C-alpha cells in the first residue's frame, strides 16, 4: 500500500475487483478520521469499504501521531470468509509507539497467520513484510529472519498460502531456504517473473514479491497486475483447494 502515497488510486481500483482474500503490506490505519486525509491514513477502512470484505485482521508494527490522531502502520488481511486462529509473530523487533525519530527501530517486521474457512475448506493464509536489504540477494539477516517465520509454520497442516513483500529475489538464499524448509512452491519464480516493482515510480527492478503454496493448492491463474497503487505491482492468485 506504500503507506498511502497513492491514496487517490486505492478506492476506485478495489471497487472494481471481485476478490475474496487480500494480503496488504505497508498499510496505514487510524480509528479516528483525519480531515482531508481519509484515504492516506485510513487505508484499511477504505479498502474494506471498497471491496465489501467483511472480516479483517490488522497487525501494526508501529504507530505515530498525525494532528493528534494515532495512526498505525503494518500488515492487514481482509477476507470474505470468517477468520480464526489469528496470530502475529515478529520476525524482528516489536510493536512501538513512535514519538521521536530516535524511537524507530529499522526493519521492524511481522507476519500474520490466520485460518480462513472457504466454501472449499480451510486454508492457512500467511501475510508478511520481510527484512529489507539494499542487495536484492539479501544477507545473512534476510535468511535468519525468514527462518523465524519458517519455524513458526513447520507444524501447519493442510492447504497453505504465504504471500507478501519479501524484499529479496527468488534466487536469494533466504527464499531458497524458506521454500525448501516448508516444501513450498514459489509462484513468482515458477512463472518466470523477474520484476514486481512498478517502474513508473521506482527505478529498481527485482522480483521481491512472492506467493508460496503447498501441494494442497491448485493454481487456476497467477498473474501480475500493473495498476499503479504502489511502488510494487499486485500479485493475483486464483486457486482451488485440492480435496
Foldseek 3Di string as FASTA:
>chain_A
DAQCPVLVPQLVVLLPDQDFKDKDAFDKPFPDADPPCCSRRHVVVSNCVSNVFDDKDWDFQEWEDDPNTIMTTTIMMTGNFDKDPKDKDWLDDGYYYDYDPVPDDPFGWMKIWIWGQDPQGIEIEIEIAAGADPALLDDVSLQSSLVVVLVVCQPDDFKYKYWYQSNHACPHPNNVVSCVSNVKDWVCVVVPPAAFFQCVPDVDGGPRTTMIIHPQKAWPDWDWANPPPHRGIDIDTDIHGHD
